[in-house]
Amino acid sequence: MLGVASFDGYFTRVNPAFERVLGYSVEEVRRESFVSFVHPGDREATVAELERISRGAQTVAFENRYRTSSGGYRWLQWTGISDPDHRVVYAVARDVTDAKQVEAETRALLAGQAALRRVATRVAREGDHTELFELVTEEVGRLLEARSASIVRYEPDGHGLVLGGWGEPGAVRLPSGSVVELESESAAGGVYRTGQALRVERFLGEEGTLASKLREMGFQSAIGAPIYVDGKLWGALIASRDRDRAWPAEAERSLADFGELVAQAIANADARDQLAASRVRAVGASDAERRRLERNLHDGAQQRLVALSLTLRLAQTRIDSDPGEARRLIEGASQELTLALAELRELANGLHPALLADRALAQRSRHWRGVRRFPSRSRPYRTSGCPSRSR
């Protein structure tokens, strides 16, 4: 696109490429100030660039958006030089709209992949689902430029339960623990009924419905993607906006990718639970005995030792102000210590590894000669022989 523009902001000459790219006739392009064709968001920068080039500077790769005859906009990249004597600018422009779109799509793709990697790394680790849900919803919200995002679990009674979410500072959103109706007018309800990703362009529900509540909260539109666990619809990942702006074309696909990671995390947790259950069944009575000992230790000796620690700290604070009370506290602590030691001895008697004593130590004794089973505290540990090299 070749053109000559005057310093007062009008094209005096343009070639036919202007008509081919923008859809206007040559006369229409020359009739109006070229700033009127510029996108409102680029006008200030365009005027500043015209003033700069009119003072003798050269324009190289300046970009702005020009309105087309159909109402859309095309990105143009300008190179120009001024002729102050004739008060005109000689300009060359090329249409870079497709390149801009590819660049934006590439940035969005890279940002989406980076977000998915961060979530996948978190999914691979064990931990509380609450932390994962907060991470997923924040990544989704920032990637899709949403105002808020939530994870909803479908309950057997036909309601939805909000398990976690994220929102921009000051954004209104449904808090965790909220129970929602699953009407088809909402994204959560639509996913519940169709089992597929979808978008809701307007919340048109009647008064009192979830859709009307979301509308009253300021939300304009939403998208949702299903979360399937073991082939069953477990819940949905929802992103909402309070701005009247179209979602990206691939928004549902991106949301579904995050939903699959959430499903994997839930499946991983279920698999870990099942593995733990199988281990419990495998160890049987011995595991039950271990839990009994742990419970006795926690409820008995440990509680006594905690109480003993608190009593001694209290006695320490009373030594100067009330020696008698401090002495009484120390005597009580001494009794507690005696009871705790007795309980620990009782527990220790139940920790003797019978299988190790019956088999492992018996087999080991054939390789070691003269090993003392319980060396004396008063004498150093000694053996009357050494391991056989042949064995």
Foldseek 3Di string as FASTA:
>chain_A
DKFKFALVQFTPDDDCVCCVVQVDDRCVRRVDRQLVQFDPVCSVVVNVVSVVQLVFDWFFQDWTWGHHPVGDTWIKTKTWHADNVRRMIIIDIDTCRVVVVVVVVVVLVVLLVVLLVVLLVVLVDDDDVQVSQASLFVSLCVSFVFQKKFWWWQDPVQWIFTQYMDGDVPQDDDHGGDIAHQDCLAQQNVCVVPVAKDKRQALDDDPPHPSVVVVVSQWGMKIKGFADAPNHGTGIMMTTHNDNDDTDPCSRVSRNSSSPSSNSSVNVVVVVVVVVVVVCVVVDPVVVVVVVLVVCCVVPLVVLVVVLVVLQVVLVVCCPPPVVVSVVSVVVSVVSVVRSVVSVVVSVVVPPDPVCVVPVVVVVCVQFAQFDPDDDPVDDGDGPDDGDPVD
